[in-house]
Protein backbone atom coordinates (compact mmCIF):
# COMPACT_ATOMS: atom_id res chain seq x y z
CA UNK A 1 0.73 10.35 -20.06
CA UNK A 2 -1.41 9.63 -16.98
CA UNK A 3 0.44 9.26 -13.72
CA UNK A 4 0.90 5.70 -12.55
CA UNK A 5 0.64 4.96 -8.87
CA UNK A 6 2.65 2.10 -7.39
CA UNK A 7 0.73 -0.68 -5.73
CA UNK A 8 -0.78 0.14 -2.33
CA UNK A 9 0.91 3.51 -1.99
CA UNK A 10 0.54 7.18 -2.82
CA UNK A 11 3.04 9.30 -4.74
CA UNK A 12 5.56 11.00 -2.44
CA UNK A 13 5.30 14.73 -2.07
CA UNK A 14 6.60 17.55 0.08
CA UNK A 15 6.68 17.01 3.82
CA UNK A 16 4.03 18.40 6.13
CA UNK A 17 4.98 20.06 9.40
CA UNK A 18 3.17 18.34 12.24
CA UNK A 19 1.93 19.65 15.57
CA UNK A 20 0.86 18.00 18.79
CA UNK A 21 -2.30 20.17 19.01
CA UNK A 22 -5.26 17.87 19.64
CA UNK A 23 -8.41 18.19 17.56
CA UNK A 24 -10.65 19.24 20.46
CA UNK A 25 -8.72 22.50 20.82
CA UNK A 26 -9.47 23.60 17.28
CA UNK A 27 -11.82 26.52 16.87
CA UNK A 28 -13.57 27.60 13.71
CA UNK A 29 -11.63 30.85 13.84
CA UNK A 30 -8.16 29.25 13.67
CA UNK A 31 -6.11 29.54 10.52
CA UNK A 32 -6.25 27.09 7.65
CA UNK A 33 -2.59 26.27 8.32
CA UNK A 34 -3.40 25.25 11.91
CA UNK A 35 -6.25 23.10 10.69
CA UNK A 36 -4.03 21.31 8.17
CA UNK A 37 -1.47 20.52 10.85
CA UNK A 38 -4.17 19.05 13.11
CA UNK A 39 -5.57 17.01 10.20
CA UNK A 40 -2.18 15.47 9.47
CA UNK A 41 -1.79 14.59 13.14
CA UNK A 42 -5.18 12.91 13.03
CA UNK A 43 -4.18 10.85 9.99
CA UNK A 44 -1.00 9.70 11.74
CA UNK A 45 -2.97 8.63 14.79
CA UNK A 46 -5.37 6.70 12.55
CA UNK A 47 -2.46 4.70 11.16
CA UNK A 48 -2.26 6.26 7.71
CA UNK A 49 0.97 5.65 5.81
CA UNK A 50 3.57 8.40 5.81
CA UNK A 51 3.26 8.88 2.07
CA UNK A 52 -0.52 9.15 2.39
CA UNK A 53 -0.22 11.87 5.04
CA UNK A 54 2.37 13.74 2.99
CA UNK A 55 0.27 13.52 -0.13
CA UNK A 56 -2.93 14.79 1.51
CA UNK A 57 -1.01 17.45 3.42
CA UNK A 58 0.77 18.62 0.29
CA UNK A 59 -2.54 19.03 -1.55
CA UNK A 60 -3.96 21.10 1.28
CA UNK A 61 -0.81 23.19 1.55
CA UNK A 62 -1.15 24.02 -2.13
CA UNK A 63 -4.73 25.08 -1.49
CA UNK A 64 -3.53 27.19 1.46
CA UNK A 65 -0.94 28.89 -0.74
CA UNK A 66 -3.71 29.74 -3.21
CA UNK A 67 -6.36 30.96 -0.76
CA UNK A 68 -4.12 32.21 2.06
CA UNK A 69 -2.73 30.04 4.85
CA UNK A 70 -3.84 32.56 7.46
CA UNK A 71 -7.47 32.55 6.40
CA UNK A 72 -9.74 31.25 9.17
CA UNK A 73 -11.49 27.94 8.65
CA UNK A 74 -14.97 29.43 9.02
CA UNK A 75 -14.21 32.03 6.32
CA UNK A 76 -13.54 29.45 3.61
CA UNK A 77 -16.41 29.04 1.17
CA UNK A 78 -17.41 26.51 -1.45
CA UNK A 79 -16.52 29.10 -4.08
CA UNK A 80 -12.96 29.29 -2.68
CA UNK A 81 -12.61 25.55 -3.21
CA UNK A 82 -14.12 25.71 -6.69
CA UNK A 83 -11.75 28.50 -7.75
CA UNK A 84 -8.72 26.48 -6.66
CA UNK A 85 -9.94 23.33 -8.39
CA UNK A 86 -10.63 25.31 -11.55
CA UNK A 87 -7.05 26.56 -11.43
CA UNK A 88 -5.81 23.01 -10.92
CA UNK A 89 -7.76 21.76 -13.91
CA UNK A 90 -6.56 24.67 -16.05
CA UNK A 91 -2.93 23.96 -15.13
CA UNK A 92 -3.10 20.61 -16.91
CA UNK A 93 -2.98 18.30 -13.89
CA UNK A 94 -3.61 14.67 -14.71
CA UNK A 95 -7.08 13.29 -13.91
CA UNK A 96 -5.49 11.15 -11.20
CA UNK A 97 -3.84 14.10 -9.46
CA UNK A 98 -6.93 16.28 -9.80
CA UNK A 99 -9.15 13.54 -8.36
CA UNK A 100 -6.83 13.09 -5.38
CA UNK A 101 -6.88 16.82 -4.65
CA UNK A 102 -10.67 16.80 -4.63
CA UNK A 103 -10.48 13.86 -2.23
CA UNK A 104 -8.04 15.77 0.01
CA UNK A 105 -10.37 18.76 0.25
CA UNK A 106 -13.48 16.70 0.88
CA UNK A 107 -11.82 14.49 3.51
CA UNK A 108 -10.36 17.49 5.35
CA UNK A 109 -13.56 19.54 5.56
CA UNK A 110 -15.73 16.49 6.26
CA UNK A 111 -13.46 15.78 9.24
CA UNK A 112 -13.74 19.38 10.46
CA UNK A 113 -17.53 19.16 10.35
CA UNK A 114 -17.59 15.75 12.03
CA UNK A 115 -15.35 17.04 14.85
CA UNK A 116 -17.63 19.99 15.41
CA UNK A 117 -15.08 22.59 14.31
CA UNK A 118 -17.34 23.72 11.44
CA UNK A 119 -21.12 23.66 11.38
CA UNK A 120 -21.22 23.34 7.59
CA UNK A 121 -18.92 21.51 5.17
CA UNK A 122 -17.97 23.83 2.27
CA UNK A 123 -16.63 20.84 0.28
CA UNK A 124 -19.91 18.89 0.42
CA UNK A 125 -21.28 20.38 -2.86
CA UNK A 126 -18.05 19.52 -4.71
CA UNK A 127 -18.64 16.52 -6.98
CA UNK A 128 -16.08 13.75 -6.71
CA UNK A 129 -15.33 11.90 -9.93
CA UNK A 130 -13.22 8.90 -8.94
CA UNK A 131 -10.36 8.16 -11.33
CA UNK A 132 -8.67 4.82 -10.90
CA UNK A 133 -5.25 4.04 -12.23
CA UNK A 134 -5.15 1.06 -14.64
CA UNK A 135 -5.83 -2.34 -13.17
CA UNK A 136 -2.64 -4.22 -12.29
CA UNK A 137 -1.49 -7.27 -14.21
CA UNK A 138 -1.72 -10.48 -12.22
CA UNK A 139 -0.79 -14.10 -12.74
CA UNK A 140 -3.56 -16.52 -13.60
CA UNK A 141 -3.78 -19.76 -11.63
CA UNK A 142 -2.23 -21.59 -14.57
CA UNK A 143 0.65 -19.09 -14.73
CA UNK A 144 1.24 -19.42 -10.98
CA UNK A 145 1.64 -23.17 -11.40
CA UNK A 146 3.82 -22.64 -14.47
CA UNK A 147 6.07 -20.28 -12.52
CA UNK A 148 6.12 -22.58 -9.51
CA UNK A 149 7.20 -25.52 -11.65
CA UNK A 150 9.90 -23.41 -13.33
CA UNK A 151 11.20 -22.37 -9.91
CA UNK A 152 11.22 -26.00 -8.82
CA UNK A 153 13.32 -26.88 -11.85
CA UNK A 154 15.79 -24.13 -10.98
CA UNK A 155 16.03 -25.63 -7.51
CA UNK A 156 16.82 -29.08 -8.88
CA UNK A 157 18.91 -28.01 -11.87
CA UNK A 158 21.69 -30.55 -12.43
CA UNK A 159 24.40 -27.98 -13.17
CA UNK A 160 23.58 -25.02 -10.94
CA UNK A 161 20.73 -25.71 -8.50
CA UNK A 162 19.27 -22.69 -6.70
CA UNK A 163 16.54 -23.09 -4.10
CA UNK A 164 16.07 -19.34 -3.58
CA UNK A 165 13.69 -18.59 -6.49
CA UNK A 166 11.30 -21.29 -5.32
CA UNK A 167 11.50 -20.19 -1.69
CA UNK A 168 10.90 -16.54 -2.55
CA UNK A 169 8.12 -17.02 -5.10
CA UNK A 170 6.06 -19.40 -2.97
CA UNK A 171 6.43 -17.07 0.01
CA UNK A 172 5.18 -14.05 -1.94
CA UNK A 173 2.24 -15.87 -3.50
CA UNK A 174 0.93 -17.09 -0.16
CA UNK A 175 1.63 -14.00 1.99
CA UNK A 176 1.54 -11.00 -0.40
CA UNK A 177 4.29 -9.20 1.52
CA UNK A 178 6.06 -6.24 -0.05
CA UNK A 179 9.67 -6.14 -1.18
CA UNK A 180 10.68 -3.97 1.79
CA UNK A 181 8.98 -6.36 4.19
CA UNK A 182 10.71 -9.30 2.55
CA UNK A 183 14.09 -7.61 2.95
CA UNK A 184 13.32 -6.90 6.60
CA UNK A 185 12.48 -10.51 7.50
CA UNK A 186 14.70 -11.97 10.21
CA UNK A 187 15.14 -15.61 11.12
CA UNK A 188 13.11 -15.25 14.31
CA UNK A 189 10.18 -13.89 12.31
CA UNK A 190 9.50 -17.41 11.03
CA UNK A 191 7.71 -19.28 13.82
CA UNK A 192 8.01 -23.03 13.30
CA UNK A 193 7.10 -24.00 16.87
CA UNK A 194 4.06 -25.78 15.43
CA UNK A 195 5.29 -27.47 12.22
CA UNK A 196 1.69 -28.17 11.19
CA UNK A 197 0.79 -24.46 11.38
CA UNK A 198 3.89 -22.28 10.91
CA UNK A 199 3.47 -18.52 10.87
CA UNK A 200 5.35 -15.49 9.64
CA UNK A 201 5.62 -12.32 11.72
CA UNK A 202 5.93 -9.13 9.70
CA UNK A 203 7.72 -6.61 11.93
CA UNK A 204 8.65 -2.93 11.67
CA UNK A 205 11.36 -1.05 13.53
CA UNK A 206 9.69 2.36 13.24
CA UNK A 207 6.99 3.01 15.83
CA UNK A 208 4.84 4.85 13.28
CA UNK A 209 4.61 1.66 11.20
CA UNK A 210 3.68 -0.68 14.03
CA UNK A 211 0.05 -0.80 12.86
CA UNK A 212 1.27 -2.70 9.79
CA UNK A 213 2.74 -5.54 11.85
CA UNK A 214 0.87 -8.78 11.43
CA UNK A 215 0.90 -12.55 11.80
CA UNK A 216 0.51 -14.56 8.59
CA UNK A 217 -0.09 -18.24 8.11
CA UNK A 218 2.44 -20.27 6.17
CA UNK A 219 1.97 -23.47 4.23
CA UNK A 220 3.66 -26.32 6.15
CA UNK A 221 5.22 -27.44 2.86
CA UNK A 222 6.96 -24.06 2.60
CA UNK A 223 8.61 -24.73 5.96
CA UNK A 224 10.31 -27.82 4.49
CA UNK A 225 11.78 -25.71 1.68
CA UNK A 226 12.80 -23.02 4.17
CA UNK A 227 14.73 -25.53 6.31
CA UNK A 228 16.55 -26.82 3.24
CA UNK A 229 17.45 -23.23 2.35
CA UNK A 230 18.78 -22.56 5.87
CA UNK A 231 20.92 -25.68 5.75
CA UNK A 232 22.44 -24.71 2.41
CA UNK A 233 22.91 -20.94 2.72
CA UNK A 234 23.12 -20.57 6.52
CA UNK A 235 21.93 -16.95 6.82
CA UNK A 236 22.90 -15.39 10.15
CA UNK A 237 20.16 -12.81 10.79
CA UNK A 238 18.14 -11.86 7.73
CA UNK A 239 16.12 -14.49 5.91
CA UNK A 240 17.16 -12.89 2.63
CA UNK A 241 20.53 -11.17 3.20
CA UNK A 242 20.61 -9.80 -0.33
CA UNK A 243 20.14 -6.49 -2.13
CA UNK A 244 16.71 -5.53 -3.50
CA UNK A 245 18.07 -5.98 -7.02
CA UNK A 246 19.24 -9.50 -6.24
CA UNK A 247 15.76 -10.52 -5.13
CA UNK A 248 14.33 -9.02 -8.31
CA UNK A 249 16.78 -11.11 -10.32
CA UNK A 250 15.51 -14.25 -8.59
CA UNK A 251 12.00 -13.47 -9.81
CA UNK A 252 13.37 -12.64 -13.25
CA UNK A 253 15.03 -16.07 -13.34
CA UNK A 254 11.60 -17.62 -12.84
CA UNK A 255 10.06 -15.46 -15.57
CA UNK A 256 12.69 -16.62 -18.06
CA UNK A 257 12.59 -20.26 -16.99
CA UNK A 258 8.79 -20.32 -17.26
CA UNK A 259 8.87 -18.50 -20.62
CA UNK A 260 6.13 -16.15 -19.45
CA UNK A 261 5.12 -13.06 -21.37
CA UNK A 262 4.49 -11.32 -18.06
CA UNK A 263 7.37 -10.01 -15.98
CA UNK A 264 7.05 -11.45 -12.45
CA UNK A 265 7.58 -8.77 -9.81
CA UNK A 266 6.88 -8.20 -6.14
CA UNK A 267 3.93 -5.99 -7.10
CA UNK A 268 2.48 -8.68 -9.35
CA UNK A 269 2.84 -11.35 -6.67
CA UNK A 270 1.21 -9.08 -4.07
CA UNK A 271 -1.81 -8.43 -6.27
CA UNK A 272 -1.99 -12.09 -7.31
CA UNK A 273 -2.05 -13.14 -3.66
CA UNK A 274 -4.90 -10.70 -2.93
CA UNK A 275 -6.94 -11.90 -5.91
CA UNK A 276 -6.42 -15.58 -5.05
CA UNK A 277 -7.51 -14.93 -1.46
CA UNK A 278 -10.60 -13.02 -2.62
CA UNK A 279 -11.58 -15.77 -5.05
CA UNK A 280 -11.11 -18.33 -2.27
CA UNK A 281 -13.73 -16.48 -0.24
CA UNK A 282 -11.59 -14.48 2.18
CA UNK A 283 -13.38 -11.43 3.58
CA UNK A 284 -12.15 -8.15 2.09
CA UNK A 285 -11.32 -6.68 5.49
CA UNK A 286 -9.26 -9.76 6.28
CA UNK A 287 -7.37 -9.27 3.02
CA UNK A 288 -6.78 -5.62 3.93
CA UNK A 289 -5.34 -6.63 7.30
CA UNK A 290 -3.27 -9.41 5.75
CA UNK A 291 -1.66 -6.90 3.40
CA UNK A 292 -1.05 -4.41 6.21
CA UNK A 293 -3.17 -1.64 4.67
CA UNK A 294 -5.05 1.18 6.36
CA UNK A 295 -8.72 1.78 5.61
CA UNK A 296 -7.76 4.92 3.70
CA UNK A 297 -5.41 2.96 1.43
CA UNK A 298 -8.03 0.26 0.95
CA UNK A 299 -10.54 2.57 -0.74
CA UNK A 300 -8.91 2.34 -4.16
CA UNK A 301 -7.36 -1.08 -3.63
CA UNK A 302 -10.71 -2.62 -2.72
CA UNK A 303 -12.36 -1.18 -5.84
CA UNK A 304 -9.61 -2.56 -8.04
CA UNK A 305 -9.78 -5.95 -6.36
CA UNK A 306 -13.51 -6.18 -7.03
CA UNK A 307 -12.89 -5.50 -10.69
CA UNK A 308 -10.11 -8.08 -10.88
CA UNK A 309 -12.23 -10.87 -9.45
CA UNK A 310 -15.31 -10.11 -11.55
CA UNK A 311 -14.39 -12.48 -14.43
CA UNK A 312 -14.42 -15.35 -11.94
CA UNK A 313 -17.91 -14.55 -10.67
């Protein structure tokens, strides 16, 4: 069965040892291992996600194990790359994994040429056949309204009213934040200083993730629901002081109440938000920034998004 990649991320793999050696010190005669370390440092500085760096680094480390980690960069030939890729194909790797490993090689050697370390790119003749994972399932506009109405009914249920499904679902549909970001939201991340234009600050504690921090607009109507939620549940620090599973159950409650065939999830809401923004005319780079994605991550996401909005064109 083909590997399935989670939304906006890359499969985790073995860690890559990093070095502080700057790119401009690299010489063509240094070892492949040294070049890989410098490449991973470059990706970190460019704001690539940790999993992305690990994935690219792991691919290159596998290549190094095949060809020899001590081999100098200027001694590596196109034939060396082809032999490794032939071995990868023969080993039964999925098309998705194989395609990513081609991408890792081409990105690495293209960078070395661009930085002036190599005069010729040995990966340039390698043909890249892009393999996309299946398109994600999203909610149609009608299903969004159906889910929203079901969540509203849960909020106003006569026997056991619960405002949380409505609060959570409407937040996800308008902001597209991830589950981890939702769990990390603190009360002071909701800025209601201007009730007519409230905003949400997505923050990260880790310095390496600071590039993903962003300011998102909120619907003023959502602020009314949020205040009602605060009055009833009185959270002390976190907006949602619950376990990840509990938040998933809140979305599941909506799925059941709306009698949808689709299973509402954080991933589905994130993609639905992106598609709705694209169809409303938002620039693709603005969508990328809204979702907190690097340009590297956006390559596949942008292609999928174009395909998802095609029926509406």
